[in-house]
Amino acid sequence: MKGKDKKQNENKIYNLNVHKKQKNIIIQWHITHKCNNNCKHCYEKNYPQNEILNFKDLKTIFNKIKNFEQKYKKEITIKDIAITGGNPLLHPDCFNFIKFLIENKMRVHILGNPENLTKEILNNLKGIVLYQVSLDGMQIFHDSLRYKRSFETTIKALYELRNNNIKTGIMFTLFEENKNDLLPLIDFLRDGEIPVDYFAFDFGILYKEKNKEKDKILSNKLNTEDLKNIFNAYLDRVSDPSYKFRLLLKHPYLKIMQLQRKKINFTPNKQNICDGGCLIGYSFVIFSQGNMGLCARLPQFIGNALTDDVEDIFLNNETIKKFRQKENFTQCKKCKYFSICRGCPALGKSIIGDMFRSDAFCFLFEPIK
């Protein structure tokens, strides 16, 4: 490699690798947007339902990504891949692709649905790291978003997965209307000894102009004082040994509050780069036709992994590069916790109309002194 070209590559990777150590790049791959549910809060409706890639094309994209990893192997590693949808099990080549990924030493996570987990399907899932399902409240509210007895079906699926030695996770999507269900649901899982390995939650995203039906039962009007109380009560449970499953600190606000609880004096990162919190800029998000995006909850494409150069998209796309630079975040750049947080750009887009105003529900802002 010529000296000039080598220097250019080093400059590109510097934006990915602030601390000069390997950074784990995660892949979230929506292999289909087709689904056998019609959840009222789902963002998958923003994407085409019947357009997918075949097994050959899926492998082609994966190999392009691994070639990118090999080129920058001192700076990045790619080991974790989340296969999702829609319902990923509805893709005709889903199980062949899972087998292919496992054979290529990938840690495969499935973010899927609880329905139709037959013996044959469960057998085809052997070797995955875990299978994540959604519970968005206690039975009444959860079923109101999906269908009658969906809650019961999900609990049953957790037992079936555990019986087949497949680890399980639960994702909860937080809205104003189900905020009072979050803590009771966690307690229900504990008290009922439901077989689950981890629990996580995050804010729901609503784009009202595209999803009028959501306005009937959901809203993005969470009160920050309520959120502070909920987050504190959740953290109380994190340190409670009676919960046998892990309560993840998925949202960066939880991580900041944990630091404050432990009285850890956080020193702001003086560099102009963020590599914590939100994964935009540091992950591959791929949609059913091979389109690459910033985030599944931000319906915006930045290229196509099948037809375009993956390295060029990931390192040179102007939009994705902006998310790696502190100066572009209107409010968050002024906060001492920017380097481990920067909020949620999708939430900023849906509520404020600006991807770089990611502080929509922030109650932890602390100006840099």
Protein backbone atom coordinates (compact mmCIF):
# COMPACT_ATOMS: atom_id res chain seq x y z
CA MET A 1 0.00 0.00 0.00
CA LYS A 2 1.36 3.45 -0.94
CA GLY A 3 2.12 5.87 1.89
CA LYS A 4 -0.65 8.31 0.90
CA ASP A 5 -3.32 5.59 0.67
CA LYS A 6 -2.22 4.10 3.99
CA LYS A 7 -2.51 7.51 5.67
CA GLN A 8 -6.01 8.04 4.24
CA ASN A 9 -7.18 4.66 5.58
CA GLU A 10 -5.72 5.44 9.00
CA ASN A 11 -7.64 8.74 9.05
CA LYS A 12 -10.89 6.99 8.15
CA ILE A 13 -10.53 4.37 10.84
CA TYR A 14 -9.62 6.99 13.45
CA ASN A 15 -13.24 8.11 13.29
CA LEU A 16 -14.33 4.57 14.17
CA ASN A 17 -11.71 3.78 16.75
CA VAL A 18 -11.22 6.61 19.22
CA HIS A 19 -9.38 4.63 21.86
CA LYS A 20 -7.02 2.81 19.50
CA LYS A 21 -8.34 -0.64 20.33
CA GLN A 22 -10.57 -3.07 18.44
CA LYS A 23 -14.17 -1.93 18.26
CA ASN A 24 -16.93 -4.51 17.98
CA ILE A 25 -19.18 -3.67 15.02
CA ILE A 26 -22.63 -5.24 15.36
CA ILE A 27 -24.84 -6.24 12.42
CA GLN A 28 -28.62 -5.94 12.61
CA TRP A 29 -30.09 -7.59 9.53
CA HIS A 30 -33.77 -7.40 8.64
CA ILE A 31 -33.82 -10.27 6.18
CA THR A 32 -37.57 -9.75 5.61
CA HIS A 33 -40.14 -7.15 6.64
CA LYS A 34 -42.97 -9.64 6.27
CA CYS A 35 -44.67 -10.57 9.53
CA ASN A 36 -47.56 -12.70 10.76
CA ASN A 37 -48.42 -10.04 13.34
CA ASN A 38 -49.72 -6.51 12.84
CA CYS A 39 -48.43 -4.72 15.94
CA LYS A 40 -49.83 -1.22 16.24
CA HIS A 41 -46.49 0.34 17.19
CA CYS A 42 -44.26 -1.44 14.67
CA TYR A 43 -41.92 0.61 12.44
CA GLU A 44 -41.54 -2.31 9.98
CA LYS A 45 -44.60 -0.98 8.13
CA ASN A 46 -42.34 1.72 6.71
CA TYR A 47 -40.60 -0.88 4.53
CA PRO A 48 -41.69 -3.16 1.62
CA GLN A 49 -43.16 -6.42 2.89
CA ASN A 50 -42.60 -8.78 -0.04
CA GLU A 51 -39.13 -7.95 -1.37
CA ILE A 52 -36.28 -10.14 -0.14
CA LEU A 53 -32.85 -11.37 -1.19
CA ASN A 54 -32.11 -15.01 -1.93
CA PHE A 55 -29.56 -17.11 -0.05
CA LYS A 56 -26.82 -16.40 -2.59
CA ASP A 57 -27.23 -12.64 -2.25
CA LEU A 58 -27.34 -12.84 1.55
CA LYS A 59 -24.01 -14.69 1.51
CA THR A 60 -22.54 -12.18 -0.94
CA ILE A 61 -23.31 -9.27 1.39
CA PHE A 62 -21.99 -11.11 4.43
CA ASN A 63 -18.73 -11.93 2.66
CA LYS A 64 -18.32 -8.29 1.65
CA ILE A 65 -18.71 -7.23 5.27
CA LYS A 66 -16.20 -9.84 6.46
CA ASN A 67 -13.74 -8.69 3.80
CA PHE A 68 -14.13 -5.19 5.20
CA GLU A 69 -13.43 -6.54 8.68
CA GLN A 70 -10.34 -8.39 7.45
CA LYS A 71 -8.96 -5.22 5.86
CA TYR A 72 -9.30 -3.33 9.14
CA LYS A 73 -8.80 -6.26 11.51
CA LYS A 74 -6.51 -4.26 13.83
CA GLU A 75 -9.21 -1.66 14.40
CA ILE A 76 -12.54 -3.54 14.25
CA THR A 77 -14.04 -6.96 14.82
CA ILE A 78 -17.41 -8.29 13.66
CA LYS A 79 -18.70 -11.22 15.70
CA ASP A 80 -22.34 -10.50 16.60
CA ILE A 81 -25.22 -10.51 14.15
CA ALA A 82 -28.89 -9.99 15.00
CA ILE A 83 -31.19 -11.60 12.44
CA THR A 84 -34.61 -9.99 12.55
CA GLY A 85 -37.56 -8.79 10.50
CA GLY A 86 -40.53 -8.61 10.38
CA ASN A 87 -40.51 -12.20 11.38
CA PRO A 88 -37.15 -13.59 10.15
CA LEU A 89 -38.48 -17.17 10.31
CA LEU A 90 -40.74 -16.34 7.35
CA HIS A 91 -37.77 -15.91 5.01
CA PRO A 92 -37.50 -19.13 2.94
CA ASP A 93 -33.71 -19.27 3.40
CA CYS A 94 -33.66 -18.23 7.06
CA PHE A 95 -32.36 -21.51 8.48
CA ASN A 96 -29.80 -22.03 5.72
CA PHE A 97 -28.51 -18.53 6.39
CA ILE A 98 -28.36 -19.10 10.15
CA LYS A 99 -26.38 -22.30 9.60
CA PHE A 100 -24.04 -20.48 7.22
CA LEU A 101 -23.41 -17.70 9.77
CA ILE A 102 -22.71 -20.15 12.60
CA GLU A 103 -20.28 -22.04 10.37
CA ASN A 104 -18.52 -18.70 9.84
CA LYS A 105 -18.01 -18.28 13.60
CA MET A 106 -20.70 -15.62 14.04
CA ARG A 107 -22.68 -15.23 17.27
CA VAL A 108 -26.23 -15.29 15.93
CA HIS A 109 -29.04 -13.57 17.83
CA ILE A 110 -32.62 -13.95 16.60
CA LEU A 111 -35.07 -11.09 17.25
CA GLY A 112 -38.30 -12.80 16.32
CA ASN A 113 -41.88 -13.76 17.05
CA PRO A 114 -43.15 -16.35 19.53
CA GLU A 115 -45.62 -18.03 17.18
CA ASN A 116 -45.01 -21.28 15.30
CA LEU A 117 -41.96 -22.47 17.21
CA THR A 118 -42.44 -26.09 16.16
CA LYS A 119 -40.02 -28.89 17.01
CA GLU A 120 -38.54 -28.66 13.52
CA ILE A 121 -38.00 -24.90 13.78
CA LEU A 122 -36.53 -25.17 17.26
CA ASN A 123 -34.14 -27.83 16.00
CA ASN A 124 -33.07 -25.50 13.18
CA LEU A 125 -32.29 -22.80 15.74
CA LYS A 126 -29.70 -24.90 17.57
CA GLY A 127 -26.41 -23.06 17.81
CA ILE A 128 -27.80 -19.53 18.06
CA VAL A 129 -26.77 -17.36 21.03
CA LEU A 130 -30.32 -16.41 22.00
CA TYR A 131 -33.87 -15.77 20.82
CA GLN A 132 -35.48 -12.45 21.77
CA VAL A 133 -39.23 -11.81 21.89
CA SER A 134 -41.29 -8.77 22.87
CA LEU A 135 -43.52 -8.16 25.85
CA ASP A 136 -44.87 -4.62 25.91
CA GLY A 137 -46.86 -4.72 29.12
CA MET A 138 -49.01 -6.97 31.19
CA GLN A 139 -51.52 -9.15 29.36
CA ILE A 140 -54.27 -6.60 28.69
CA PHE A 141 -52.04 -3.92 27.20
CA HIS A 142 -49.70 -6.31 25.39
CA ASP A 143 -52.63 -8.07 23.72
CA SER A 144 -54.19 -4.72 22.75
CA LEU A 145 -51.13 -4.03 20.58
CA ARG A 146 -51.24 -7.45 18.91
CA TYR A 147 -54.05 -9.98 19.29
CA LYS A 148 -55.94 -11.79 22.01
CA ARG A 149 -53.79 -14.28 23.96
CA SER A 150 -50.54 -12.98 22.43
CA PHE A 151 -49.13 -12.55 25.95
CA GLU A 152 -49.93 -16.17 26.77
CA THR A 153 -48.38 -17.35 23.49
CA THR A 154 -45.17 -15.46 24.25
CA ILE A 155 -44.81 -16.93 27.75
CA LYS A 156 -45.36 -20.41 26.32
CA ALA A 157 -42.66 -19.79 23.70
CA LEU A 158 -40.16 -18.87 26.43
CA TYR A 159 -40.68 -22.29 28.01
CA GLU A 160 -40.32 -24.05 24.65
CA LEU A 161 -37.07 -22.23 23.92
CA ARG A 162 -35.65 -23.02 27.36
CA ASN A 163 -36.63 -26.70 26.96
CA ASN A 164 -34.50 -26.71 23.81
CA ASN A 165 -31.53 -25.09 25.56
CA ILE A 166 -31.93 -21.79 23.72
CA LYS A 167 -31.35 -18.67 25.79
CA THR A 168 -34.12 -16.08 25.76
CA GLY A 169 -34.47 -12.34 26.04
CA ILE A 170 -37.40 -9.94 26.37
CA MET A 171 -37.65 -6.46 24.88
CA PHE A 172 -40.15 -3.92 26.24
CA THR A 173 -41.06 -0.81 24.21
CA LEU A 174 -41.91 2.11 26.49
CA PHE A 175 -44.77 4.53 25.81
CA GLU A 176 -46.84 6.81 28.03
CA GLU A 177 -49.68 4.29 27.90
CA ASN A 178 -47.68 1.30 29.22
CA LYS A 179 -45.18 3.03 31.52
CA ASN A 180 -47.01 1.67 34.57
CA ASP A 181 -46.66 -1.90 33.24
CA LEU A 182 -42.87 -1.98 33.04
CA LEU A 183 -42.08 -2.71 36.68
CA PRO A 184 -45.05 -5.04 37.30
CA LEU A 185 -44.01 -7.05 34.23
CA ILE A 186 -40.48 -7.48 35.58
CA ASP A 187 -41.90 -8.58 38.92
CA PHE A 188 -44.30 -10.97 37.19
CA LEU A 189 -41.40 -12.65 35.38
CA ARG A 190 -39.52 -13.03 38.65
CA ASP A 191 -42.44 -14.20 40.78
CA GLY A 192 -43.63 -16.66 38.14
CA GLU A 193 -40.08 -17.92 37.57
CA ILE A 194 -40.58 -17.44 33.84
CA PRO A 195 -37.57 -18.86 31.93
CA VAL A 196 -35.90 -15.71 30.63
CA ASP A 197 -32.20 -14.85 30.57
CA TYR A 198 -32.39 -11.09 30.17
CA PHE A 199 -34.83 -8.18 30.05
CA ALA A 200 -34.34 -4.80 28.36
CA PHE A 201 -36.44 -1.78 27.49
CA ASP A 202 -36.22 1.33 25.35
CA PHE A 203 -38.42 4.18 24.16
CA GLY A 204 -41.00 3.57 21.45
CA ILE A 205 -40.77 5.53 18.21
CA LEU A 206 -43.86 6.93 16.49
CA TYR A 207 -43.94 8.66 13.12
CA LYS A 208 -47.50 9.94 13.30
CA GLU A 209 -47.73 11.23 9.76
CA LYS A 210 -47.29 7.66 8.48
CA ASN A 211 -49.13 5.70 11.13
CA LYS A 212 -52.49 7.29 11.95
CA GLU A 213 -53.79 4.14 13.64
CA LYS A 214 -51.16 4.47 16.36
CA ASP A 215 -52.65 7.77 17.54
CA LYS A 216 -55.67 5.88 18.86
CA ILE A 217 -53.81 4.12 21.67
CA LEU A 218 -50.19 5.36 21.75
CA SER A 219 -48.41 8.64 22.23
CA ASN A 220 -44.92 10.01 22.75
CA LYS A 221 -45.72 12.30 25.68
CA LEU A 222 -43.64 10.84 28.46
CA ASN A 223 -43.03 13.09 31.45
CA THR A 224 -39.36 13.36 32.40
CA GLU A 225 -40.10 13.26 36.13
CA ASP A 226 -42.07 10.03 35.65
CA LEU A 227 -39.20 8.63 33.62
CA LYS A 228 -36.71 9.48 36.32
CA ASN A 229 -38.79 7.59 38.89
CA ILE A 230 -39.22 4.60 36.58
CA PHE A 231 -35.52 4.45 35.75
CA ASN A 232 -34.60 4.64 39.43
CA ALA A 233 -37.01 1.85 40.34
CA TYR A 234 -35.60 -0.26 37.51
CA LEU A 235 -32.06 0.28 38.80
CA ASP A 236 -33.21 -0.81 42.26
CA ARG A 237 -34.18 -4.12 40.71
CA VAL A 238 -30.89 -4.44 38.83
CA SER A 239 -29.07 -4.84 42.13
CA ASP A 240 -31.76 -7.04 43.70
CA PRO A 241 -30.54 -10.68 43.84
CA SER A 242 -34.11 -12.01 43.78
CA TYR A 243 -34.18 -11.34 40.02
CA LYS A 244 -32.53 -14.39 38.49
CA PHE A 245 -32.40 -12.89 35.01
CA ARG A 246 -30.24 -9.98 33.88
CA LEU A 247 -31.81 -6.54 33.73
CA LEU A 248 -29.86 -4.84 30.95
CA LEU A 249 -28.89 -1.17 31.01
CA LYS A 250 -29.84 -0.80 27.36
CA HIS A 251 -30.58 2.91 27.40
CA PRO A 252 -27.54 5.10 28.17
CA TYR A 253 -29.54 7.09 30.75
CA LEU A 254 -29.48 3.98 32.92
CA LYS A 255 -25.71 3.72 32.62
CA ILE A 256 -25.27 7.35 33.59
CA MET A 257 -27.57 6.97 36.60
CA GLN A 258 -25.63 3.86 37.64
CA LEU A 259 -22.40 5.88 37.57
CA GLN A 260 -24.02 8.54 39.70
CA ARG A 261 -25.30 5.95 42.18
CA LYS A 262 -21.83 4.51 42.56
CA LYS A 263 -20.47 8.05 42.98
CA ILE A 264 -18.05 7.56 40.11
CA ASN A 265 -16.59 10.87 39.01
CA PHE A 266 -17.10 10.77 35.24
CA THR A 267 -14.53 12.68 33.19
CA PRO A 268 -15.84 13.96 29.84
CA ASN A 269 -14.09 12.77 26.70
CA LYS A 270 -12.31 15.83 25.29
CA GLN A 271 -12.22 14.45 21.76
CA ASN A 272 -14.78 15.45 19.17
CA ILE A 273 -16.06 11.90 18.68
CA CYS A 274 -18.80 9.76 20.26
CA ASP A 275 -18.50 6.00 20.33
CA GLY A 276 -20.89 5.22 23.19
CA GLY A 277 -24.64 5.00 23.64
CA CYS A 278 -26.50 4.89 20.34
CA LEU A 279 -24.99 2.52 17.76
CA ILE A 280 -25.61 4.76 14.72
CA GLY A 281 -22.29 5.15 12.96
CA TYR A 282 -20.83 2.01 14.54
CA SER A 283 -23.11 -0.75 13.29
CA PHE A 284 -24.29 -2.33 10.05
CA VAL A 285 -28.07 -2.05 9.64
CA ILE A 286 -29.28 -3.95 6.58
CA PHE A 287 -32.81 -4.18 5.21
CA SER A 288 -34.56 -6.86 3.18
CA GLN A 289 -33.39 -5.65 -0.25
CA GLY A 290 -29.82 -5.13 0.87
CA ASN A 291 -30.28 -1.44 1.59
CA MET A 292 -28.09 -0.11 4.39
CA GLY A 293 -29.48 2.32 6.93
CA LEU A 294 -28.53 4.27 10.01
CA CYS A 295 -31.03 2.55 12.31
CA ALA A 296 -34.08 0.35 11.83
CA ARG A 297 -36.14 3.05 13.54
CA LEU A 298 -34.92 5.77 11.14
CA PRO A 299 -36.37 5.06 7.68
CA GLN A 300 -33.43 6.45 5.71
CA PHE A 301 -31.11 4.50 3.40
CA ILE A 302 -27.43 5.35 2.86
CA GLY A 303 -26.55 2.79 0.18
CA ASN A 304 -27.02 -0.82 -0.86
CA ALA A 305 -24.72 -3.55 0.51
CA LEU A 306 -25.36 -5.84 -2.47
CA THR A 307 -24.70 -3.40 -5.32
CA ASP A 308 -22.43 -0.81 -3.68
CA ASP A 309 -19.04 -0.90 -1.98
CA VAL A 310 -19.63 -1.66 1.72
CA GLU A 311 -16.41 0.02 2.84
CA ASP A 312 -17.25 3.20 0.95
CA ILE A 313 -20.75 3.36 2.49
CA PHE A 314 -19.58 2.71 6.03
CA LEU A 315 -16.57 5.03 6.02
CA ASN A 316 -17.48 7.75 3.52
CA ASN A 317 -21.24 8.30 3.55
CA GLU A 318 -21.70 11.90 4.66
CA THR A 319 -24.74 11.25 6.86
CA ILE A 320 -23.22 8.36 8.80
CA LYS A 321 -20.00 10.35 9.28
CA LYS A 322 -21.96 13.17 10.92
CA PHE A 323 -23.10 10.79 13.65
CA ARG A 324 -19.46 10.17 14.60
CA GLN A 325 -18.79 13.87 15.21
CA LYS A 326 -19.80 15.61 18.41
CA GLU A 327 -20.16 19.02 16.78
CA ASN A 328 -23.31 17.95 14.88
CA PHE A 329 -25.41 17.25 17.99
CA THR A 330 -27.17 20.54 18.75
CA GLN A 331 -27.77 20.05 22.47
CA CYS A 332 -25.99 16.85 23.50
CA LYS A 333 -22.56 18.20 22.51
CA LYS A 334 -22.78 20.55 25.50
CA CYS A 335 -23.27 17.70 27.98
CA LYS A 336 -20.46 16.04 29.95
CA TYR A 337 -21.97 12.61 29.27
CA PHE A 338 -21.95 12.94 25.47
CA SER A 339 -19.21 10.37 24.90
CA ILE A 340 -21.28 7.60 26.53
CA CYS A 341 -24.77 8.72 25.59
CA ARG A 342 -26.04 11.14 22.85
CA GLY A 343 -29.63 10.00 23.51
CA CYS A 344 -31.71 8.57 20.67
CA PRO A 345 -31.60 10.18 17.20
CA ALA A 346 -34.73 8.28 16.10
CA LEU A 347 -36.63 9.73 19.05
CA GLY A 348 -35.35 13.19 18.20
CA LYS A 349 -36.51 12.75 14.62
CA SER A 350 -39.97 11.53 15.62
CA ILE A 351 -40.65 14.14 18.33
CA ILE A 352 -38.59 17.21 17.46
CA GLY A 353 -38.08 16.51 13.75
CA ASP A 354 -34.28 16.54 13.99
CA MET A 355 -32.01 13.46 14.14
CA PHE A 356 -29.37 15.49 15.93
CA ARG A 357 -31.71 16.67 18.69
CA SER A 358 -31.54 13.29 20.41
CA ASP A 359 -32.27 14.65 23.89
CA ALA A 360 -36.07 14.49 23.60
CA PHE A 361 -36.70 12.93 27.05
CA CYS A 362 -33.41 13.83 28.71
CA PHE A 363 -33.40 14.51 32.45
CA LEU A 364 -29.66 14.04 32.98
CA PHE A 365 -28.14 16.95 31.05
CA GLU A 366 -25.09 18.31 32.80
CA PRO A 367 -23.14 21.05 31.03
CA ILE A 368 -19.42 20.65 30.51
CA LYS A 369 -17.51 22.94 32.84
